[in-house]
N, C-alpha and C. Protein backbone atom coordinates (compact mmCIF):
# COMPACT_ATOMS: atom_id res chain seq x y z
N MET A 1 209.77 19.87 101.67
CA MET A 1 210.57 20.95 101.09
C MET A 1 211.54 21.51 102.14
N SER A 2 212.67 21.98 101.66
CA SER A 2 213.66 22.58 102.56
C SER A 2 213.09 23.83 103.21
N ASP A 3 213.39 24.01 104.49
CA ASP A 3 212.91 25.19 105.20
C ASP A 3 213.81 26.39 105.00
N THR A 4 214.96 26.19 104.37
CA THR A 4 215.91 27.29 104.20
C THR A 4 216.04 27.76 102.75
N ALA A 5 215.61 26.94 101.80
CA ALA A 5 215.71 27.32 100.39
C ALA A 5 214.72 28.43 100.06
N PRO A 6 215.05 29.31 99.11
CA PRO A 6 214.06 30.29 98.65
C PRO A 6 212.80 29.57 98.18
N LEU A 7 211.64 30.17 98.41
CA LEU A 7 210.37 29.54 98.08
C LEU A 7 209.68 30.30 96.97
N ALA A 8 209.29 29.57 95.92
CA ALA A 8 208.57 30.15 94.80
C ALA A 8 207.20 29.50 94.67
N VAL A 9 206.21 30.29 94.29
CA VAL A 9 204.89 29.79 93.92
C VAL A 9 204.69 30.08 92.44
N VAL A 10 204.39 29.04 91.67
CA VAL A 10 204.24 29.17 90.22
C VAL A 10 202.86 28.66 89.83
N THR A 11 202.05 29.48 89.16
CA THR A 11 200.76 29.03 88.66
C THR A 11 200.90 28.55 87.22
N GLY A 12 200.00 27.67 86.81
CA GLY A 12 200.10 27.11 85.47
C GLY A 12 201.39 26.35 85.28
N ALA A 13 201.79 25.59 86.32
CA ALA A 13 203.11 24.96 86.35
C ALA A 13 203.17 23.63 85.63
N ASN A 14 202.07 23.18 85.08
CA ASN A 14 202.01 21.82 84.54
C ASN A 14 202.53 21.69 83.12
N ARG A 15 202.71 22.78 82.41
CA ARG A 15 203.16 22.67 81.01
C ARG A 15 203.77 23.99 80.56
N GLY A 16 204.36 23.95 79.37
CA GLY A 16 204.84 25.15 78.72
C GLY A 16 205.79 25.98 79.56
N LEU A 17 205.57 27.29 79.57
CA LEU A 17 206.45 28.20 80.29
C LEU A 17 206.47 27.89 81.78
N GLY A 18 205.31 27.58 82.35
CA GLY A 18 205.24 27.31 83.78
C GLY A 18 206.06 26.10 84.18
N LEU A 19 206.02 25.05 83.38
CA LEU A 19 206.81 23.85 83.66
C LEU A 19 208.30 24.17 83.57
N ALA A 20 208.68 24.94 82.56
CA ALA A 20 210.09 25.30 82.38
C ALA A 20 210.58 26.20 83.52
N PHE A 21 209.77 27.16 83.93
CA PHE A 21 210.14 27.99 85.08
C PHE A 21 210.34 27.13 86.32
N THR A 22 209.43 26.19 86.54
CA THR A 22 209.52 25.32 87.71
C THR A 22 210.82 24.53 87.68
N ALA A 23 211.18 23.99 86.52
CA ALA A 23 212.42 23.23 86.39
C ALA A 23 213.63 24.10 86.68
N ARG A 24 213.64 25.33 86.14
CA ARG A 24 214.79 26.22 86.36
C ARG A 24 214.93 26.56 87.84
N LEU A 25 213.82 26.84 88.50
CA LEU A 25 213.87 27.21 89.90
C LEU A 25 214.36 26.05 90.76
N LEU A 26 213.89 24.85 90.46
CA LEU A 26 214.35 23.68 91.21
C LEU A 26 215.84 23.45 90.99
N ASP A 27 216.29 23.62 89.75
CA ASP A 27 217.71 23.42 89.46
C ASP A 27 218.58 24.42 90.22
N ARG A 28 218.02 25.58 90.53
CA ARG A 28 218.76 26.60 91.28
C ARG A 28 218.74 26.34 92.78
N GLY A 29 218.00 25.36 93.21
CA GLY A 29 217.94 25.06 94.63
C GLY A 29 216.76 25.66 95.35
N ALA A 30 215.82 26.27 94.61
CA ALA A 30 214.62 26.81 95.24
C ALA A 30 213.64 25.69 95.55
N ALA A 31 212.79 25.92 96.52
CA ALA A 31 211.63 25.07 96.75
C ALA A 31 210.46 25.69 96.00
N VAL A 32 209.59 24.84 95.44
CA VAL A 32 208.51 25.34 94.60
C VAL A 32 207.17 24.76 95.04
N VAL A 33 206.20 25.64 95.15
CA VAL A 33 204.80 25.22 95.23
C VAL A 33 204.25 25.41 93.82
N ALA A 34 203.98 24.29 93.16
CA ALA A 34 203.58 24.28 91.75
C ALA A 34 202.07 24.12 91.65
N ALA A 35 201.40 25.13 91.15
CA ALA A 35 199.94 25.14 91.09
C ALA A 35 199.46 24.83 89.68
N CYS A 36 198.47 23.96 89.59
CA CYS A 36 197.83 23.67 88.30
C CYS A 36 196.42 23.17 88.56
N ARG A 37 195.60 23.19 87.52
CA ARG A 37 194.19 22.84 87.70
C ARG A 37 193.97 21.36 87.91
N GLU A 38 194.76 20.51 87.25
CA GLU A 38 194.54 19.06 87.33
C GLU A 38 195.86 18.34 87.60
N PRO A 39 196.29 18.29 88.86
CA PRO A 39 197.56 17.63 89.18
C PRO A 39 197.63 16.18 88.72
N ASP A 40 196.52 15.45 88.78
CA ASP A 40 196.54 14.04 88.39
C ASP A 40 196.88 13.86 86.91
N ALA A 41 196.59 14.87 86.09
CA ALA A 41 196.87 14.79 84.66
C ALA A 41 198.20 15.44 84.30
N ALA A 42 198.88 16.01 85.27
CA ALA A 42 200.13 16.74 85.01
C ALA A 42 201.31 15.78 85.07
N SER A 43 201.40 14.89 84.11
CA SER A 43 202.41 13.83 84.16
C SER A 43 203.84 14.38 84.11
N GLU A 44 204.09 15.38 83.27
CA GLU A 44 205.45 15.94 83.17
C GLU A 44 205.85 16.63 84.47
N LEU A 45 204.92 17.31 85.09
CA LEU A 45 205.20 17.99 86.35
C LEU A 45 205.46 16.97 87.45
N ARG A 46 204.67 15.92 87.50
CA ARG A 46 204.86 14.90 88.53
C ARG A 46 206.19 14.17 88.34
N GLU A 47 206.57 13.96 87.08
CA GLU A 47 207.88 13.34 86.82
C GLU A 47 209.01 14.26 87.26
N LEU A 48 208.87 15.55 86.98
CA LEU A 48 209.87 16.53 87.39
C LEU A 48 209.99 16.59 88.91
N ALA A 49 208.88 16.34 89.60
CA ALA A 49 208.84 16.51 91.05
C ALA A 49 209.51 15.39 91.82
N GLU A 50 209.77 14.27 91.17
CA GLU A 50 210.30 13.11 91.89
C GLU A 50 211.64 13.44 92.56
N GLY A 51 211.64 13.31 93.88
CA GLY A 51 212.86 13.55 94.64
C GLY A 51 213.28 15.00 94.75
N ARG A 52 212.38 15.93 94.38
CA ARG A 52 212.73 17.35 94.38
C ARG A 52 211.95 18.10 95.46
N ALA A 53 212.37 19.32 95.74
CA ALA A 53 211.74 20.15 96.76
C ALA A 53 210.53 20.87 96.18
N ILE A 54 209.47 20.12 95.96
CA ILE A 54 208.31 20.68 95.28
C ILE A 54 207.03 20.08 95.85
N ARG A 55 206.01 20.90 95.92
CA ARG A 55 204.68 20.44 96.26
C ARG A 55 203.74 20.85 95.13
N ILE A 56 203.02 19.89 94.60
CA ILE A 56 202.06 20.15 93.53
C ILE A 56 200.70 20.34 94.16
N VAL A 57 200.07 21.47 93.83
CA VAL A 57 198.83 21.85 94.48
C VAL A 57 197.76 22.10 93.42
N ARG A 58 196.57 21.55 93.67
CA ARG A 58 195.44 21.82 92.78
C ARG A 58 195.00 23.26 92.97
N CYS A 59 194.97 24.01 91.88
CA CYS A 59 194.61 25.43 91.98
C CYS A 59 194.10 25.93 90.63
N ASP A 60 192.84 26.29 90.58
CA ASP A 60 192.27 27.00 89.44
C ASP A 60 192.16 28.46 89.88
N VAL A 61 192.91 29.34 89.26
CA VAL A 61 192.98 30.73 89.73
C VAL A 61 191.65 31.45 89.63
N THR A 62 190.68 30.88 88.90
CA THR A 62 189.37 31.52 88.80
C THR A 62 188.44 31.09 89.92
N ASP A 63 188.84 30.11 90.73
CA ASP A 63 188.00 29.65 91.85
C ASP A 63 188.17 30.59 93.04
N GLU A 64 187.05 30.86 93.69
CA GLU A 64 187.07 31.81 94.80
C GLU A 64 188.00 31.36 95.92
N GLY A 65 188.08 30.07 96.17
CA GLY A 65 188.92 29.57 97.24
C GLY A 65 190.25 29.02 96.77
N ALA A 66 190.73 29.50 95.63
CA ALA A 66 191.92 28.92 95.01
C ALA A 66 193.15 28.99 95.90
N ALA A 67 193.23 29.99 96.75
CA ALA A 67 194.45 30.20 97.53
C ALA A 67 194.56 29.26 98.73
N GLY A 68 193.47 28.64 99.12
CA GLY A 68 193.48 27.87 100.37
C GLY A 68 194.53 26.77 100.39
N ASP A 69 194.57 25.95 99.36
CA ASP A 69 195.54 24.86 99.32
C ASP A 69 196.96 25.38 99.17
N LEU A 70 197.13 26.50 98.47
CA LEU A 70 198.46 27.10 98.35
C LEU A 70 198.97 27.56 99.70
N ILE A 71 198.11 28.21 100.46
CA ILE A 71 198.50 28.69 101.78
C ILE A 71 198.86 27.52 102.69
N ALA A 72 198.10 26.43 102.59
CA ALA A 72 198.41 25.24 103.39
C ALA A 72 199.78 24.68 103.02
N ALA A 73 200.10 24.68 101.70
CA ALA A 73 201.40 24.16 101.25
C ALA A 73 202.54 25.08 101.67
N ILE A 74 202.29 26.37 101.72
CA ILE A 74 203.32 27.32 102.12
C ILE A 74 203.62 27.19 103.61
N GLY A 75 202.58 26.96 104.40
CA GLY A 75 202.75 26.83 105.84
C GLY A 75 203.28 28.10 106.47
N ASP A 76 204.30 27.95 107.29
CA ASP A 76 204.88 29.10 108.00
C ASP A 76 205.98 29.79 107.20
N ARG A 77 206.25 29.29 105.99
CA ARG A 77 207.31 29.86 105.16
C ARG A 77 206.89 31.21 104.61
N LYS A 78 207.85 31.94 104.12
CA LYS A 78 207.60 33.18 103.38
C LYS A 78 207.95 32.95 101.91
N VAL A 79 207.14 33.51 101.04
CA VAL A 79 207.29 33.32 99.59
C VAL A 79 208.24 34.38 99.04
N ASP A 80 209.26 33.94 98.32
CA ASP A 80 210.24 34.86 97.74
C ASP A 80 209.89 35.25 96.30
N LEU A 81 209.16 34.38 95.62
CA LEU A 81 208.74 34.65 94.24
C LEU A 81 207.34 34.13 94.03
N LEU A 82 206.45 35.01 93.58
CA LEU A 82 205.11 34.62 93.16
C LEU A 82 205.03 34.87 91.66
N LEU A 83 204.93 33.79 90.91
CA LEU A 83 204.96 33.88 89.45
C LEU A 83 203.59 33.54 88.88
N HIS A 84 202.90 34.56 88.38
CA HIS A 84 201.58 34.38 87.78
C HIS A 84 201.76 34.02 86.30
N ASN A 85 201.74 32.73 86.02
CA ASN A 85 201.95 32.25 84.66
C ASN A 85 200.66 31.74 84.02
N ALA A 86 199.71 31.26 84.82
CA ALA A 86 198.47 30.70 84.26
C ALA A 86 197.76 31.75 83.41
N GLY A 87 197.33 31.35 82.24
CA GLY A 87 196.64 32.29 81.36
C GLY A 87 195.93 31.58 80.23
N ILE A 88 194.94 32.24 79.66
CA ILE A 88 194.21 31.71 78.52
C ILE A 88 194.07 32.80 77.45
N PHE A 89 193.78 32.36 76.24
CA PHE A 89 193.62 33.31 75.13
C PHE A 89 192.23 33.93 75.15
N GLY A 90 191.22 33.13 75.42
CA GLY A 90 189.86 33.65 75.55
C GLY A 90 189.06 33.75 74.28
N GLY A 91 189.71 33.58 73.13
CA GLY A 91 188.99 33.64 71.86
C GLY A 91 189.90 34.12 70.76
N ALA A 92 189.55 33.77 69.53
CA ALA A 92 190.37 34.15 68.37
C ALA A 92 189.67 35.21 67.53
N GLU A 93 188.88 36.06 68.18
CA GLU A 93 188.10 37.05 67.45
C GLU A 93 188.98 38.02 66.65
N ARG A 94 188.54 38.33 65.47
CA ARG A 94 189.25 39.29 64.62
C ARG A 94 188.55 40.63 64.60
N THR A 95 187.23 40.65 64.81
CA THR A 95 186.48 41.89 64.82
C THR A 95 185.56 41.91 66.03
N LEU A 96 184.99 43.07 66.30
CA LEU A 96 184.08 43.24 67.41
C LEU A 96 182.93 42.23 67.36
N LEU A 97 182.41 41.99 66.18
CA LEU A 97 181.24 41.11 66.05
C LEU A 97 181.58 39.65 66.31
N ASP A 98 182.87 39.32 66.35
CA ASP A 98 183.28 37.94 66.62
C ASP A 98 183.45 37.66 68.12
N VAL A 99 183.40 38.70 68.96
CA VAL A 99 183.71 38.52 70.37
C VAL A 99 182.68 37.61 71.04
N ASP A 100 183.18 36.62 71.75
CA ASP A 100 182.33 35.69 72.49
C ASP A 100 182.32 36.13 73.95
N GLU A 101 181.13 36.37 74.50
CA GLU A 101 181.02 36.91 75.85
C GLU A 101 181.63 35.98 76.88
N ALA A 102 181.37 34.69 76.75
CA ALA A 102 181.91 33.74 77.72
C ALA A 102 183.43 33.73 77.68
N GLY A 103 184.01 33.76 76.48
CA GLY A 103 185.46 33.79 76.35
C GLY A 103 186.06 35.07 76.92
N LEU A 104 185.36 36.17 76.69
CA LEU A 104 185.82 37.46 77.22
C LEU A 104 185.87 37.43 78.74
N ARG A 105 184.79 36.95 79.35
CA ARG A 105 184.75 36.88 80.82
C ARG A 105 185.81 35.93 81.36
N ALA A 106 185.98 34.79 80.69
CA ALA A 106 186.97 33.81 81.14
C ALA A 106 188.38 34.39 81.07
N ALA A 107 188.67 35.16 80.02
CA ALA A 107 190.00 35.77 79.89
C ALA A 107 190.28 36.73 81.03
N PHE A 108 189.30 37.56 81.36
CA PHE A 108 189.51 38.50 82.46
C PHE A 108 189.65 37.77 83.79
N GLU A 109 188.84 36.74 84.01
CA GLU A 109 188.90 36.01 85.28
C GLU A 109 190.25 35.32 85.45
N THR A 110 190.78 34.75 84.37
CA THR A 110 192.05 34.01 84.46
C THR A 110 193.25 34.93 84.42
N ASN A 111 193.25 35.88 83.51
CA ASN A 111 194.45 36.68 83.24
C ASN A 111 194.61 37.90 84.13
N ALA A 112 193.52 38.39 84.71
CA ALA A 112 193.60 39.63 85.49
C ALA A 112 193.02 39.49 86.89
N ILE A 113 191.78 39.04 86.98
CA ILE A 113 191.13 38.96 88.29
C ILE A 113 191.78 37.89 89.15
N GLY A 114 192.07 36.73 88.56
CA GLY A 114 192.71 35.66 89.30
C GLY A 114 194.03 36.08 89.94
N PRO A 115 194.96 36.66 89.17
CA PRO A 115 196.21 37.12 89.77
C PRO A 115 196.02 38.16 90.88
N LEU A 116 195.05 39.05 90.70
CA LEU A 116 194.79 40.05 91.73
C LEU A 116 194.36 39.38 93.03
N LEU A 117 193.35 38.51 92.95
CA LEU A 117 192.82 37.89 94.16
C LEU A 117 193.82 36.94 94.80
N LEU A 118 194.59 36.23 93.97
CA LEU A 118 195.59 35.31 94.51
C LEU A 118 196.71 36.08 95.21
N THR A 119 197.13 37.19 94.62
CA THR A 119 198.16 38.01 95.26
C THR A 119 197.65 38.57 96.58
N ARG A 120 196.40 39.02 96.58
CA ARG A 120 195.83 39.54 97.83
C ARG A 120 195.83 38.47 98.91
N ALA A 121 195.43 37.26 98.53
CA ALA A 121 195.36 36.16 99.51
C ALA A 121 196.74 35.80 100.06
N LEU A 122 197.76 35.92 99.22
CA LEU A 122 199.12 35.52 99.62
C LEU A 122 199.96 36.69 100.13
N TRP A 123 199.38 37.89 100.16
CA TRP A 123 200.16 39.09 100.45
C TRP A 123 200.91 39.00 101.77
N SER A 124 200.25 38.54 102.81
CA SER A 124 200.92 38.46 104.11
C SER A 124 201.93 37.32 104.16
N HIS A 125 201.89 36.43 103.17
CA HIS A 125 202.84 35.32 103.11
C HIS A 125 204.07 35.66 102.27
N LEU A 126 204.08 36.83 101.63
CA LEU A 126 205.24 37.24 100.84
C LEU A 126 206.33 37.79 101.76
N ALA A 127 207.55 37.41 101.47
CA ALA A 127 208.68 37.97 102.21
C ALA A 127 208.87 39.43 101.84
N ASP A 128 209.37 40.23 102.75
CA ASP A 128 209.80 41.57 102.39
C ASP A 128 210.90 41.43 101.34
N GLY A 129 210.78 42.21 100.26
CA GLY A 129 211.73 42.09 99.17
C GLY A 129 211.39 41.01 98.16
N ALA A 130 210.23 40.37 98.32
CA ALA A 130 209.82 39.33 97.37
C ALA A 130 209.57 39.93 95.99
N ARG A 131 209.47 39.04 95.02
CA ARG A 131 209.17 39.45 93.65
C ARG A 131 207.84 38.84 93.22
N VAL A 132 207.01 39.66 92.63
CA VAL A 132 205.75 39.22 92.05
C VAL A 132 205.85 39.48 90.55
N VAL A 133 205.81 38.43 89.76
CA VAL A 133 206.00 38.55 88.31
C VAL A 133 204.78 38.01 87.58
N CYS A 134 204.25 38.81 86.70
CA CYS A 134 203.11 38.42 85.87
C CYS A 134 203.59 38.19 84.44
N ILE A 135 203.29 37.02 83.90
CA ILE A 135 203.61 36.76 82.50
C ILE A 135 202.52 37.41 81.66
N SER A 136 202.87 38.51 81.06
CA SER A 136 201.92 39.31 80.29
C SER A 136 202.15 39.07 78.80
N SER A 137 201.90 40.07 77.98
CA SER A 137 202.07 39.94 76.54
C SER A 137 202.14 41.32 75.92
N LEU A 138 202.92 41.44 74.87
CA LEU A 138 202.94 42.69 74.11
C LEU A 138 201.56 43.00 73.54
N MET A 139 200.72 41.96 73.39
CA MET A 139 199.37 42.19 72.90
C MET A 139 198.53 42.96 73.92
N GLY A 140 199.01 43.09 75.14
CA GLY A 140 198.34 43.92 76.13
C GLY A 140 198.77 45.37 76.08
N SER A 141 199.68 45.72 75.18
CA SER A 141 200.15 47.09 75.05
C SER A 141 199.18 47.90 74.20
N ILE A 142 198.66 48.98 74.74
CA ILE A 142 197.77 49.86 73.97
C ILE A 142 198.56 50.56 72.87
N ALA A 143 199.75 51.03 73.22
CA ALA A 143 200.56 51.75 72.24
C ALA A 143 200.96 50.89 71.06
N ASP A 144 201.12 49.58 71.28
CA ASP A 144 201.60 48.69 70.22
C ASP A 144 200.47 48.10 69.37
N ASN A 145 199.23 48.36 69.75
CA ASN A 145 198.11 47.74 69.04
C ASN A 145 197.85 48.45 67.71
N GLY A 146 198.49 47.93 66.67
CA GLY A 146 198.29 48.51 65.35
C GLY A 146 197.38 47.71 64.45
N SER A 147 196.83 46.61 64.96
CA SER A 147 196.02 45.74 64.09
C SER A 147 194.63 45.45 64.63
N GLY A 148 194.40 45.68 65.94
CA GLY A 148 193.11 45.35 66.52
C GLY A 148 192.92 43.86 66.64
N GLY A 149 191.68 43.43 66.88
CA GLY A 149 191.38 42.03 67.03
C GLY A 149 191.86 41.46 68.34
N ARG A 150 191.54 40.18 68.57
CA ARG A 150 191.93 39.47 69.80
C ARG A 150 191.54 40.28 71.04
N HIS A 151 190.30 40.75 71.03
CA HIS A 151 189.84 41.68 72.05
C HIS A 151 190.01 41.12 73.47
N ALA A 152 189.57 39.89 73.68
CA ALA A 152 189.58 39.31 75.02
C ALA A 152 191.00 39.24 75.58
N TYR A 153 191.91 38.74 74.78
CA TYR A 153 193.29 38.58 75.24
C TYR A 153 193.95 39.94 75.46
N ARG A 154 193.81 40.82 74.49
CA ARG A 154 194.43 42.14 74.60
C ARG A 154 193.92 42.88 75.83
N MET A 155 192.60 42.91 76.00
CA MET A 155 192.01 43.66 77.11
C MET A 155 192.40 43.07 78.46
N SER A 156 192.39 41.75 78.56
CA SER A 156 192.72 41.13 79.84
C SER A 156 194.18 41.32 80.20
N LYS A 157 195.07 41.28 79.21
CA LYS A 157 196.49 41.49 79.50
C LYS A 157 196.79 42.96 79.81
N ALA A 158 196.06 43.88 79.17
CA ALA A 158 196.21 45.30 79.53
C ALA A 158 195.78 45.51 80.98
N SER A 159 194.74 44.80 81.39
CA SER A 159 194.29 44.88 82.77
C SER A 159 195.33 44.28 83.72
N MET A 160 195.95 43.19 83.32
CA MET A 160 197.03 42.62 84.12
C MET A 160 198.17 43.62 84.28
N ASN A 161 198.50 44.32 83.21
CA ASN A 161 199.57 45.31 83.29
C ASN A 161 199.25 46.42 84.29
N MET A 162 198.00 46.84 84.33
CA MET A 162 197.60 47.84 85.31
C MET A 162 197.71 47.29 86.73
N LEU A 163 197.36 46.01 86.89
CA LEU A 163 197.52 45.36 88.19
C LEU A 163 198.97 45.44 88.65
N VAL A 164 199.90 45.21 87.75
CA VAL A 164 201.32 45.26 88.09
C VAL A 164 201.69 46.64 88.63
N ARG A 165 201.19 47.69 87.99
CA ARG A 165 201.49 49.05 88.46
C ARG A 165 200.90 49.28 89.84
N CYS A 166 199.68 48.81 90.06
CA CYS A 166 199.04 48.98 91.37
C CYS A 166 199.80 48.22 92.46
N LEU A 167 200.17 46.98 92.17
CA LEU A 167 200.88 46.17 93.15
C LEU A 167 202.24 46.76 93.50
N ALA A 168 202.87 47.39 92.51
CA ALA A 168 204.17 48.01 92.78
C ALA A 168 204.02 49.10 93.84
N HIS A 169 202.94 49.86 93.77
CA HIS A 169 202.68 50.87 94.81
C HIS A 169 202.37 50.19 96.14
N ASP A 170 201.55 49.14 96.10
CA ASP A 170 201.17 48.45 97.33
C ASP A 170 202.39 47.88 98.06
N GLY A 171 203.37 47.41 97.30
CA GLY A 171 204.50 46.71 97.90
C GLY A 171 205.72 47.55 98.16
N ARG A 172 205.66 48.83 97.84
CA ARG A 172 206.88 49.65 97.90
C ARG A 172 207.50 49.70 99.29
N GLU A 173 206.68 49.89 100.32
CA GLU A 173 207.24 50.02 101.66
C GLU A 173 207.90 48.73 102.14
N ARG A 174 207.48 47.60 101.59
CA ARG A 174 208.07 46.31 101.99
C ARG A 174 209.17 45.86 101.03
N GLY A 175 209.48 46.68 100.05
CA GLY A 175 210.52 46.32 99.10
C GLY A 175 210.11 45.24 98.13
N ILE A 176 208.80 45.00 98.00
CA ILE A 176 208.31 43.98 97.06
C ILE A 176 208.41 44.52 95.64
N ILE A 177 209.04 43.75 94.77
CA ILE A 177 209.27 44.16 93.38
C ILE A 177 208.27 43.45 92.48
N VAL A 178 207.58 44.22 91.66
CA VAL A 178 206.52 43.68 90.81
C VAL A 178 206.84 44.02 89.35
N ALA A 179 206.64 43.06 88.45
CA ALA A 179 206.93 43.32 87.05
C ALA A 179 206.04 42.47 86.15
N ALA A 180 205.81 42.99 84.95
CA ALA A 180 205.13 42.25 83.89
C ALA A 180 206.18 41.89 82.83
N LEU A 181 206.20 40.62 82.42
CA LEU A 181 207.16 40.17 81.41
C LEU A 181 206.44 39.64 80.19
N HIS A 182 206.92 40.06 79.03
CA HIS A 182 206.44 39.52 77.75
C HIS A 182 207.41 38.44 77.30
N PRO A 183 206.95 37.19 77.18
CA PRO A 183 207.87 36.09 76.87
C PRO A 183 208.29 36.01 75.42
N GLY A 184 207.66 36.81 74.55
CA GLY A 184 207.85 36.64 73.11
C GLY A 184 206.83 35.66 72.57
N TRP A 185 206.90 35.43 71.27
CA TRP A 185 205.99 34.47 70.63
C TRP A 185 206.66 33.10 70.70
N VAL A 186 206.11 32.24 71.54
CA VAL A 186 206.77 31.00 71.93
C VAL A 186 205.97 29.79 71.46
N ARG A 187 206.68 28.73 71.12
CA ARG A 187 206.04 27.48 70.70
C ARG A 187 205.46 26.74 71.91
N THR A 188 204.29 27.21 72.33
CA THR A 188 203.54 26.56 73.41
C THR A 188 202.16 26.18 72.87
N GLY A 189 201.33 25.61 73.73
CA GLY A 189 199.98 25.30 73.31
C GLY A 189 199.24 26.53 72.87
N MET A 190 199.51 27.67 73.48
CA MET A 190 198.86 28.92 73.09
C MET A 190 199.54 29.54 71.88
N GLY A 191 200.87 29.53 71.87
CA GLY A 191 201.60 30.20 70.79
C GLY A 191 201.59 29.48 69.47
N GLY A 192 201.44 28.14 69.51
CA GLY A 192 201.37 27.37 68.28
C GLY A 192 202.73 26.95 67.76
N ALA A 193 202.70 26.01 66.83
CA ALA A 193 203.93 25.39 66.33
C ALA A 193 204.75 26.32 65.44
N SER A 194 204.13 27.37 64.89
CA SER A 194 204.85 28.25 63.98
C SER A 194 205.58 29.39 64.70
N ALA A 195 205.45 29.47 66.02
CA ALA A 195 206.12 30.54 66.76
C ALA A 195 207.64 30.39 66.64
N PRO A 196 208.37 31.50 66.60
CA PRO A 196 209.82 31.43 66.35
C PRO A 196 210.67 31.03 67.56
N LEU A 197 210.13 31.16 68.78
CA LEU A 197 210.93 30.92 69.98
C LEU A 197 210.60 29.58 70.62
N SER A 198 211.62 28.88 71.08
CA SER A 198 211.39 27.69 71.90
C SER A 198 211.09 28.12 73.33
N ILE A 199 210.50 27.21 74.07
CA ILE A 199 210.22 27.48 75.49
C ILE A 199 211.51 27.77 76.23
N ASP A 200 212.56 26.99 75.99
CA ASP A 200 213.82 27.19 76.69
C ASP A 200 214.43 28.56 76.39
N GLU A 201 214.38 28.98 75.14
CA GLU A 201 214.93 30.30 74.79
C GLU A 201 214.21 31.40 75.55
N SER A 202 212.90 31.31 75.59
CA SER A 202 212.11 32.34 76.26
C SER A 202 212.36 32.35 77.77
N VAL A 203 212.28 31.18 78.39
CA VAL A 203 212.39 31.12 79.85
C VAL A 203 213.80 31.45 80.32
N ASP A 204 214.81 30.99 79.61
CA ASP A 204 216.18 31.33 80.00
C ASP A 204 216.39 32.84 80.00
N ALA A 205 215.86 33.52 78.98
CA ALA A 205 216.00 34.97 78.92
C ALA A 205 215.21 35.64 80.04
N MET A 206 213.99 35.16 80.30
CA MET A 206 213.18 35.76 81.36
C MET A 206 213.79 35.54 82.73
N MET A 207 214.43 34.39 82.95
CA MET A 207 215.08 34.16 84.23
C MET A 207 216.19 35.17 84.46
N ARG A 208 216.95 35.48 83.41
CA ARG A 208 218.00 36.49 83.56
C ARG A 208 217.41 37.86 83.88
N THR A 209 216.29 38.17 83.23
CA THR A 209 215.62 39.45 83.50
C THR A 209 215.07 39.49 84.90
N LEU A 210 214.48 38.38 85.33
CA LEU A 210 213.95 38.29 86.70
C LEU A 210 215.07 38.52 87.71
N ASP A 211 216.23 37.92 87.47
CA ASP A 211 217.37 38.07 88.37
C ASP A 211 217.81 39.54 88.49
N ALA A 212 217.65 40.28 87.40
CA ALA A 212 218.16 41.65 87.35
C ALA A 212 217.16 42.68 87.87
N LEU A 213 215.95 42.26 88.22
CA LEU A 213 214.95 43.21 88.72
C LEU A 213 215.42 43.82 90.03
N ASP A 214 215.21 45.12 90.16
CA ASP A 214 215.50 45.79 91.41
C ASP A 214 214.38 46.81 91.67
N PRO A 215 214.35 47.43 92.84
CA PRO A 215 213.24 48.33 93.15
C PRO A 215 213.01 49.43 92.14
N SER A 216 214.07 49.88 91.47
CA SER A 216 213.91 50.96 90.49
C SER A 216 213.09 50.52 89.28
N ARG A 217 212.96 49.20 89.08
CA ARG A 217 212.22 48.69 87.93
C ARG A 217 210.84 48.17 88.31
N SER A 218 210.50 48.26 89.59
CA SER A 218 209.21 47.74 90.02
C SER A 218 208.07 48.50 89.36
N GLY A 219 207.08 47.76 88.92
CA GLY A 219 205.94 48.34 88.22
C GLY A 219 206.14 48.43 86.73
N GLY A 220 207.24 47.87 86.22
CA GLY A 220 207.55 47.98 84.79
C GLY A 220 207.02 46.83 83.96
N PHE A 221 207.02 47.06 82.65
CA PHE A 221 206.57 46.12 81.64
C PHE A 221 207.76 45.89 80.71
N PHE A 222 208.26 44.64 80.67
CA PHE A 222 209.52 44.35 79.99
C PHE A 222 209.39 43.17 79.04
N ASP A 223 210.25 43.16 78.01
CA ASP A 223 210.34 41.97 77.17
C ASP A 223 211.23 40.96 77.88
N ARG A 224 211.47 39.83 77.24
CA ARG A 224 212.19 38.75 77.92
C ARG A 224 213.63 39.13 78.23
N PHE A 225 214.16 40.11 77.50
CA PHE A 225 215.54 40.55 77.73
C PHE A 225 215.63 41.68 78.75
N GLY A 226 214.49 42.15 79.25
CA GLY A 226 214.50 43.23 80.23
C GLY A 226 214.38 44.62 79.64
N GLU A 227 214.12 44.71 78.34
CA GLU A 227 213.93 46.01 77.72
C GLU A 227 212.50 46.49 77.98
N THR A 228 212.37 47.79 78.29
CA THR A 228 211.06 48.35 78.62
C THR A 228 210.15 48.36 77.41
N LEU A 229 208.90 47.94 77.62
CA LEU A 229 207.90 47.91 76.56
C LEU A 229 206.90 49.05 76.77
N PRO A 230 206.27 49.52 75.69
CA PRO A 230 205.30 50.62 75.83
C PRO A 230 203.98 50.12 76.41
N TRP A 231 203.39 50.93 77.25
CA TRP A 231 202.09 50.56 77.80
C TRP A 231 201.01 50.67 76.72
């Protein structure tokens, strides 16, 4: 990887939004450390990586030592963008009695605890003025919850949103900008085929919003266009 190009770390980079973010960043001339659970099975990511400034790293964000290989790939560089994209739904429960305990725990470990611990591990590797972006969801909004259900996903994303607020305070003196972005309902493995948005539509809009982030917006929760969402 180039030693002078901006450096991004992207989790869940093997498919969907993560793969599209990785492609956009590479096209812009950034170097990318692309994290995914099974690099050997990430055929689209490996194809994208050919001849590009990218390192593909095995990383399950729920593993205690997940950051080790990422830190090795980063080396002496400083990270300009840490993009927490890896996430799971955790269950399709409609009522309290449908909640699966294992799914609930997995959702919190992947969607909230993993990003917290990974950010902590990489904190000293972030450049002053870096951006930490969490791909959240409007389903994590307490104010917007008018239907209930999907307990695991909603609760874990609400927890992620609180993490964003905490990290914004942690990073203020170093100019680190932290934000939660809602990508919209997108045709991904999680969103399903009936979702109205394509991956490209969502990611292109989020990239523009990411570009426009400044310290005054740190700690915020935004839709893909950069409009503020209710907590």
